[in-house]
Protein backbone atom coordinates (compact mmCIF):
# COMPACT_ATOMS: atom_id res chain seq x y z
CA MET A 1 18.35 10.87 2.33
CA GLN A 2 19.24 13.37 -0.41
CA LYS A 3 18.13 10.92 -3.10
CA GLN A 4 14.84 10.36 -1.29
CA ILE A 5 14.16 14.10 -1.08
CA LEU A 6 14.90 14.55 -4.78
CA THR A 7 12.54 11.70 -5.59
CA LEU A 8 9.74 13.25 -3.53
CA VAL A 9 10.24 16.65 -5.16
CA ALA A 10 10.05 15.08 -8.59
CA ALA A 11 6.87 13.22 -7.67
CA LEU A 12 5.23 16.41 -6.40
CA ALA A 13 6.22 18.26 -9.54
CA MET A 14 4.42 15.67 -11.64
CA ALA A 15 1.40 15.86 -9.37
CA LEU A 16 0.91 19.63 -9.21
CA PRO A 17 2.99 21.54 -11.75
CA SER A 18 1.77 24.92 -10.46
CA LEU A 19 2.49 23.91 -6.87
CA SER A 20 5.70 21.99 -7.44
CA THR A 21 7.57 24.07 -4.88
CA ALA A 22 6.44 26.04 -1.87
CA ALA A 23 5.84 29.64 -2.90
CA PHE A 24 4.37 32.94 -1.82
CA VAL A 25 0.89 33.77 -3.18
CA SER A 26 -1.36 36.73 -2.60
CA GLY A 27 -4.68 38.13 -3.72
CA PRO A 28 -8.16 39.18 -2.61
CA VAL A 29 -10.16 36.77 -0.45
CA PHE A 30 -13.91 37.32 -0.10
CA TYR A 31 -15.64 36.23 3.08
CA ASN A 32 -18.25 33.55 2.38
CA TYR A 33 -20.38 32.72 5.41
CA SER A 34 -21.02 34.34 8.77
CA ASP A 35 -21.41 30.85 10.25
CA ILE A 36 -17.94 29.61 9.36
CA TYR A 37 -14.65 31.43 8.92
CA SER A 38 -14.06 30.84 5.23
CA GLY A 39 -13.31 32.86 2.14
CA THR A 40 -13.07 32.38 -1.62
CA SER A 41 -10.51 33.72 -4.03
CA GLU A 42 -10.44 33.58 -7.82
CA ASP A 43 -7.40 35.82 -8.09
CA LEU A 44 -4.60 34.30 -6.04
CA THR A 45 -1.34 34.66 -7.94
CA TYR A 46 2.28 33.76 -7.37
CA ASP A 47 4.20 36.88 -6.40
CA ALA A 48 7.30 35.72 -8.25
CA ASP A 49 5.79 36.14 -11.72
CA GLY A 50 2.05 36.76 -11.37
CA THR A 51 1.08 33.25 -12.48
CA PRO A 52 -2.42 32.28 -11.29
CA TYR A 53 -2.48 29.84 -8.39
CA SER A 54 -5.55 28.09 -9.82
CA ASP A 55 -7.88 28.35 -12.78
CA LEU A 56 -10.78 27.45 -10.46
CA PRO A 57 -12.04 29.27 -7.35
CA VAL A 58 -10.05 28.49 -4.20
CA LEU A 59 -11.97 28.04 -0.95
CA LEU A 60 -9.97 28.93 2.18
CA ILE A 61 -11.16 27.77 5.61
CA CYS A 62 -9.48 28.74 8.89
CA ILE A 63 -7.77 25.84 10.64
CA ASP A 64 -6.44 27.47 13.82
CA HIS A 65 -8.25 29.35 16.53
CA SER A 66 -6.03 31.70 18.50
CA THR A 67 -5.81 34.60 16.02
CA GLN A 68 -8.26 36.66 13.96
CA PRO A 69 -10.12 35.16 11.00
CA PRO A 70 -9.25 36.89 7.71
CA PHE A 71 -12.77 38.17 7.05
CA ASP A 72 -12.11 40.35 4.05
CA TYR A 73 -8.99 40.96 2.00
CA LYS A 74 -10.56 43.04 -0.76
CA VAL A 75 -8.30 46.05 -0.31
CA ASN A 76 -5.13 44.63 1.23
CA PRO A 77 -4.45 41.32 -0.51
CA ALA A 78 -4.04 38.20 1.62
CA GLN A 79 -0.53 36.79 1.73
CA PHE A 80 0.13 33.08 2.13
CA ASP A 81 2.96 30.60 1.94
CA THR A 82 1.71 27.59 -0.01
CA GLN A 83 2.48 23.98 0.90
CA ALA A 84 3.10 24.98 4.50
CA GLY A 85 2.11 21.49 5.62
CA ALA A 86 2.08 20.85 9.35
CA SER A 87 3.71 24.25 10.00
CA ALA A 88 0.29 25.78 9.32
CA ILE A 89 -1.11 23.80 12.26
CA LYS A 90 -0.61 25.40 15.67
CA GLY A 91 -1.29 22.26 17.69
CA PRO A 92 1.10 19.36 18.41
CA SER A 93 -0.22 16.91 15.81
CA GLY A 94 2.37 17.50 13.09
CA ALA A 95 1.97 15.28 10.02
CA ALA A 96 -0.94 13.47 11.68
CA GLY A 97 -2.84 16.77 11.83
CA GLU A 98 -2.13 17.52 8.18
CA ALA A 99 -3.57 14.14 7.20
CA ALA A 100 -6.52 14.71 9.55
CA VAL A 101 -7.45 17.99 7.84
CA TYR A 102 -7.46 16.27 4.46
CA TRP A 103 -9.51 13.37 5.81
CA LEU A 104 -12.10 15.57 7.50
CA LEU A 105 -12.77 17.64 4.38
CA ASP A 106 -12.64 14.59 2.16
CA GLN A 107 -15.40 13.01 4.24
CA TYR A 108 -17.55 15.99 5.18
CA TYR A 109 -16.92 18.97 2.89
CA LEU A 110 -19.85 18.21 0.58
CA SER A 111 -22.42 17.24 3.21
CA TYR A 112 -21.40 19.59 6.03
CA TYR A 113 -20.07 22.64 4.20
CA LYS A 114 -21.29 22.93 0.64
CA THR A 115 -24.82 21.58 1.10
CA GLY A 116 -24.97 21.57 4.90
CA THR A 117 -27.02 23.63 7.31
CA THR A 118 -25.64 26.46 9.40
CA GLU A 119 -25.43 24.01 12.29
CA GLN A 120 -23.39 21.53 10.25
CA ARG A 121 -21.05 24.14 8.80
CA ARG A 122 -20.36 25.53 12.25
CA ALA A 123 -19.68 22.02 13.57
CA LEU A 124 -17.18 21.47 10.75
CA GLN A 125 -15.39 24.70 11.73
CA TYR A 126 -14.99 23.47 15.29
CA ALA A 127 -13.72 20.10 14.11
CA LEU A 128 -11.04 21.85 12.02
CA TRP A 129 -10.09 23.99 14.99
CA GLU A 130 -9.83 20.88 17.14
CA ILE A 131 -7.30 19.45 14.71
CA GLY A 132 -5.48 22.75 14.34
CA ASN A 133 -5.15 23.45 18.05
CA ASP A 134 -5.61 20.43 20.32
CA TYR A 135 -5.12 17.21 18.37
CA ASP A 136 -1.82 15.45 19.12
CA GLY A 137 -2.34 12.24 17.18
CA SER A 138 -4.23 10.42 19.93
CA ALA A 139 -7.95 9.81 20.40
CA GLY A 140 -7.76 11.26 23.92
CA SER A 141 -6.79 14.68 22.61
CA ILE A 142 -10.09 14.96 20.70
CA ASN A 143 -12.22 16.41 23.45
CA ILE A 144 -15.35 18.45 22.86
CA SER A 145 -15.32 20.02 26.31
CA ALA A 146 -11.63 20.93 26.71
CA GLY A 147 -8.87 22.74 24.88
CA ALA A 148 -8.93 25.82 22.67
CA SER A 149 -11.98 24.71 20.67
CA ARG A 150 -15.07 24.07 22.79
CA PRO A 151 -18.28 23.64 20.80
CA ALA A 152 -20.25 22.97 23.99
CA SER A 153 -19.80 26.60 25.04
CA GLU A 154 -21.18 28.07 21.81
CA ASN A 155 -24.67 29.25 21.00
CA VAL A 156 -25.12 28.50 17.30
CA LEU A 157 -27.99 31.01 17.13
CA ASP A 158 -25.38 33.75 17.25
CA TYR A 159 -24.11 32.58 13.86
CA GLY A 160 -27.40 32.37 12.00
CA GLY A 161 -28.44 28.93 13.17
CA THR A 162 -31.91 28.02 14.37
CA ASP A 163 -31.46 24.64 16.08
CA GLN A 164 -29.00 24.28 18.95
CA ALA A 165 -29.78 20.56 19.35
CA ALA A 166 -28.96 19.95 15.68
CA PHE A 167 -25.64 21.73 16.16
CA VAL A 168 -24.81 19.50 19.15
CA THR A 169 -25.72 16.42 17.12
CA ALA A 170 -23.61 17.56 14.17
CA TYR A 171 -20.43 18.14 16.12
CA ASN A 172 -20.92 14.96 18.15
CA THR A 173 -21.06 13.05 14.88
CA LEU A 174 -17.82 14.66 13.70
CA TYR A 175 -16.00 14.19 16.98
CA ASP A 176 -17.03 10.53 17.26
CA ALA A 177 -15.81 9.90 13.70
CA MET A 178 -12.53 11.71 14.41
CA LYS A 179 -11.85 9.76 17.60
CA ALA A 180 -12.54 6.47 15.80
CA SER A 181 -10.60 7.15 12.60
CA LEU A 182 -7.82 9.68 13.09
CA PRO A 183 -5.48 7.80 15.49
CA THR A 184 -5.06 5.01 12.91
CA LEU A 185 -5.04 7.29 9.85
CA ARG A 186 -1.78 7.11 7.94
CA THR A 187 0.10 10.41 8.11
CA SER A 188 0.48 10.41 4.31
CA TYR A 189 -3.32 10.49 3.77
CA ARG A 190 -4.31 12.92 1.04
CA SER A 191 -7.62 13.52 -0.70
CA ASN A 192 -8.40 11.84 -4.01
CA THR A 193 -11.53 13.98 -4.40
CA TYR A 194 -10.27 17.53 -3.94
CA THR A 195 -7.02 19.38 -4.49
CA MET A 196 -5.99 20.72 -1.09
CA ASP A 197 -3.09 22.69 0.29
CA LEU A 198 -2.29 24.09 3.73
CA PHE A 199 -1.61 27.83 3.68
CA ARG A 200 0.42 29.67 6.29
CA ASN A 201 -0.79 33.26 6.65
CA ARG A 202 2.14 35.66 6.40
CA ASN A 203 0.35 38.08 8.69
CA PRO A 204 0.62 36.62 12.22
CA ALA A 205 -2.54 38.45 13.24
CA TYR A 206 -4.64 36.16 11.07
CA GLN A 207 -5.40 32.47 11.00
CA HIS A 208 -3.75 29.86 8.81
CA MET A 209 -6.02 28.16 6.28
CA VAL A 210 -6.68 25.08 4.24
CA ALA A 211 -7.13 25.84 0.54
CA LEU A 212 -9.58 23.56 -1.28
CA ILE A 213 -10.21 23.38 -5.03
CA GLU A 214 -13.13 21.32 -6.26
CA ARG A 215 -11.08 19.19 -8.59
CA ALA A 216 -9.43 15.86 -7.97
CA PRO A 217 -5.65 16.07 -7.78
CA PRO A 218 -3.71 14.26 -10.51
CA ASN A 219 -2.71 10.72 -9.71
CA ILE A 220 1.00 10.54 -8.96
CA VAL A 221 3.44 7.67 -8.93
CA PRO A 222 4.29 5.73 -5.76
CA THR A 223 7.49 6.27 -3.79
CA ALA A 224 9.87 3.90 -1.98
CA GLU A 225 12.42 4.35 0.79
CA PRO A 226 14.99 1.52 0.65
CA ALA A 227 17.49 0.37 3.27
CA ILE A 228 20.43 -2.02 3.21
CA SER A 229 22.13 -3.88 6.05
CA GLY A 230 24.88 -6.45 6.45
CA THR A 231 28.65 -6.82 6.68
CA PRO A 232 30.52 -5.64 3.56
CA GLN A 233 32.80 -8.63 3.34
CA VAL A 234 33.29 -11.23 0.60
CA GLY A 235 31.16 -14.24 1.48
CA SER A 236 28.84 -12.27 3.76
CA THR A 237 25.20 -11.48 2.99
CA VAL A 238 23.67 -8.04 2.61
CA THR A 239 19.90 -7.59 2.91
CA GLY A 240 17.64 -5.03 1.28
CA SER A 241 14.28 -3.79 2.54
CA TYR A 242 12.04 -0.79 1.83
CA THR A 243 8.83 1.02 2.66
CA TYR A 244 6.17 1.85 0.08
CA ALA A 245 3.92 4.92 -0.07
CA ASP A 246 1.36 6.24 -2.53
CA THR A 247 -0.36 9.60 -2.12
CA ASN A 248 -3.45 8.30 -3.92
CA ALA A 249 -3.61 5.15 -1.77
CA ASP A 250 -2.93 2.95 -4.78
CA VAL A 251 -1.97 -0.51 -3.51
CA GLU A 252 1.50 -1.83 -4.33
CA ASP A 253 1.91 -4.42 -7.09
CA PRO A 254 3.88 -7.36 -5.61
CA SER A 255 3.60 -9.54 -8.72
CA GLY A 256 6.35 -10.66 -11.05
CA THR A 257 5.89 -7.48 -13.05
CA GLY A 258 5.53 -5.20 -10.02
CA SER A 259 8.00 -3.51 -7.68
CA SER A 260 11.57 -4.43 -8.57
CA TYR A 261 15.01 -4.27 -6.97
CA GLN A 262 18.68 -4.23 -7.92
CA PHE A 263 21.78 -4.81 -5.85
CA VAL A 264 24.42 -2.56 -7.37
CA THR A 265 28.17 -2.26 -6.87
CA SER A 266 30.27 0.77 -7.72
CA ALA A 267 33.69 2.18 -7.04
CA ASN A 268 31.93 5.47 -6.26
CA PRO A 269 30.45 6.05 -2.78
CA SER A 270 27.32 7.66 -4.26
CA ILE A 271 25.07 6.79 -7.19
CA GLY A 272 21.79 8.23 -8.45
CA SER A 273 20.47 5.06 -10.10
CA SER A 274 21.43 1.48 -10.87
CA SER A 275 22.69 2.57 -14.31
CA GLU A 276 25.64 4.29 -12.61
CA GLY A 277 27.05 1.02 -11.28
CA THR A 278 27.13 -2.71 -11.93
CA VAL A 279 23.93 -4.64 -11.26
CA VAL A 280 24.96 -7.85 -9.49
CA ALA A 281 21.48 -9.13 -8.58
CA SER A 282 17.94 -8.11 -9.51
CA GLY A 283 14.32 -9.24 -9.50
CA THR A 284 10.89 -8.37 -8.17
CA THR A 285 10.56 -7.64 -4.48
CA GLY A 286 7.34 -9.48 -3.68
CA GLY A 287 6.08 -6.38 -1.87
CA ALA A 288 7.32 -4.01 0.80
CA GLY A 289 6.83 -6.60 3.54
CA GLN A 290 9.53 -8.82 2.05
CA THR A 291 13.33 -8.65 2.17
CA VAL A 292 15.86 -9.78 -0.44
CA SER A 293 19.50 -10.75 0.04
CA TYR A 294 22.74 -10.99 -1.90
CA THR A 295 25.96 -12.83 -1.01
CA LEU A 296 29.01 -10.75 -1.77
CA GLN A 297 31.37 -12.29 -4.31
CA PRO A 298 35.16 -11.98 -4.86
CA ALA A 299 34.42 -9.69 -7.83
CA ASP A 300 32.78 -7.24 -5.40
CA LEU A 301 36.02 -6.68 -3.48
CA ASN A 302 36.77 -2.98 -2.81
CA GLN A 303 33.36 -1.95 -4.20
CA TYR A 304 30.53 -0.08 -2.50
CA VAL A 305 27.19 -1.91 -2.43
CA PHE A 306 23.78 -0.26 -2.94
CA PHE A 307 20.17 -1.46 -2.85
CA CYS A 308 17.84 0.18 -5.38
CA VAL A 309 14.05 -0.12 -5.59
CA THR A 310 11.53 0.88 -8.25
CA PRO A 311 8.03 0.85 -6.69
CA ALA A 312 4.98 -0.13 -8.72
CA ALA A 313 1.26 0.23 -7.99
CA GLN A 314 -1.61 -2.00 -9.04
CA THR A 315 -3.67 0.99 -10.14
CA GLY A 316 -3.10 4.63 -10.98
CA ALA A 317 0.17 6.18 -12.12
CA SER A 318 3.03 3.65 -12.07
CA PRO A 319 5.88 2.81 -11.77
CA GLY A 320 7.55 5.28 -9.44
CA LEU A 321 11.09 6.60 -9.64
CA GLN A 322 13.96 4.30 -8.74
CA VAL A 323 15.60 5.13 -5.41
CA CYS A 324 18.97 3.84 -4.19
CA THR A 325 20.30 3.64 -0.64
CA SER A 326 23.47 5.03 0.75
CA PRO A 327 26.13 2.31 0.40
CA VAL A 328 27.67 -0.32 2.59
CA GLY A 329 31.36 -0.88 1.93
CA ARG A 330 33.93 -0.86 0.72
CA VAL A 331 33.82 -4.65 0.52
CA THR A 332 36.76 -6.26 2.35
CA PRO A 333 38.39 -9.69 1.79
CA ARG A 334 36.93 -12.75 3.37
CA VAL A 335 38.43 -13.55 6.75
CA VAL A 336 39.45 -17.22 6.94
CA GLN A 337 39.33 -18.60 10.43
CA GLN A 338 42.50 -20.61 11.24
CA ALA A 339 41.94 -23.91 13.00
CA PRO A 340 43.76 -23.98 16.37
CA THR A 341 47.02 -26.05 16.53
CA PRO A 342 46.44 -29.11 18.72
CA VAL A 343 48.57 -29.45 21.86
CA PRO A 344 50.59 -32.69 21.77
CA GLY A 345 49.40 -35.22 24.28
CA LEU A 346 50.61 -38.52 25.79
CA GLY A 347 48.96 -41.75 24.90
CA PRO A 348 48.04 -44.36 27.54
CA TRP A 349 51.16 -46.56 26.91
CA ALA A 350 53.44 -43.59 27.27
CA LEU A 351 51.86 -42.78 30.62
CA VAL A 352 52.37 -46.40 31.77
CA SER A 353 56.06 -46.23 30.78
CA LEU A 354 56.56 -43.01 32.71
CA THR A 355 55.00 -44.26 35.93
CA PRO A 356 58.14 -46.18 37.25
CA LEU A 357 60.35 -43.22 36.39
CA ILE A 358 58.13 -40.83 38.32
CA ALA A 359 58.11 -43.22 41.29
CA LEU A 360 61.92 -43.53 41.22
CA LEU A 361 62.35 -39.77 41.20
CA GLY A 362 60.03 -39.56 44.16
CA ILE A 363 62.08 -42.11 46.18
CA ARG A 364 65.36 -40.29 45.55
CA ARG A 365 63.85 -37.01 46.65
CA GLN A 366 62.72 -38.56 49.93
CA ARG A 367 66.23 -40.00 50.65
CA ARG A 368 67.85 -36.61 50.12
CA SER A 369 65.48 -35.03 52.54
């Protein structure tokens, strides 16, 4: 697990150097629209050293509903924890909600927010609140007439709109799309169009926010999570498997030059890469849906056995970092099953020869009695 976490941290660092670790940022946020709780900041900086959070304007849109919207932070700077992930979502959706926020803005930010009508922008706000408060990963939890976010009870005219029917149509479109798409959306979904981050407001009186920058995030390498199973015994087989993930949705390369594996032995119970042990078998994996096996040899006796994977994508940044499992082992000697010793038996002629003797013994016994 520790190796997997280190791999993920390294991948994130390559993706977003300025956001490589969660950090505290602050700065003025200027309220944008009266029809949607959003603000823009061009001056967010890291409190640790004053480094700018972004060289482009950062749009912040409220994603929860039970606290106050941060209308204006001109005097008292807003304070956020970056990369808050699902902890910035008050509802029960967890990682599914984080992916849903990215998906919704990926699909509808341009048409519903940036170039949309008041009715459409307001509908987008309610869809974000639905994810932030009521969504639990299931289609049934997306309900326009229940929960903390209820568009049906709102009069859009109060927010500068002019067409209540258009507002109803807009949020129905969003809710239908969410019910159809979100329950099957992978929890690792991230936007390839915009750089986004979930912010947790340090002031509990105000809402958490999604920060959006109108620039595509850098393409990052894929990641793998390997596993190994089997009996660590000479002559037995150990099997390696793994899962594949790519933030940019780049498909895995299963070809002869794609994702690769190594079975590695070592006297040490922990290794960081295959170079720290002895590679006893290697090749290409054929893709994450396949498994590969290795039969333990006498030379592997008393060694720990690891399965290492280097994931590769067909497009985008590739290959990813090699990741190795925790070990199985130490490898023990082969157990040789001893054949059971046969119980001596009497052949048919021996039984025939014994028959008169048995009869004679029986007659004597009767006479004594």
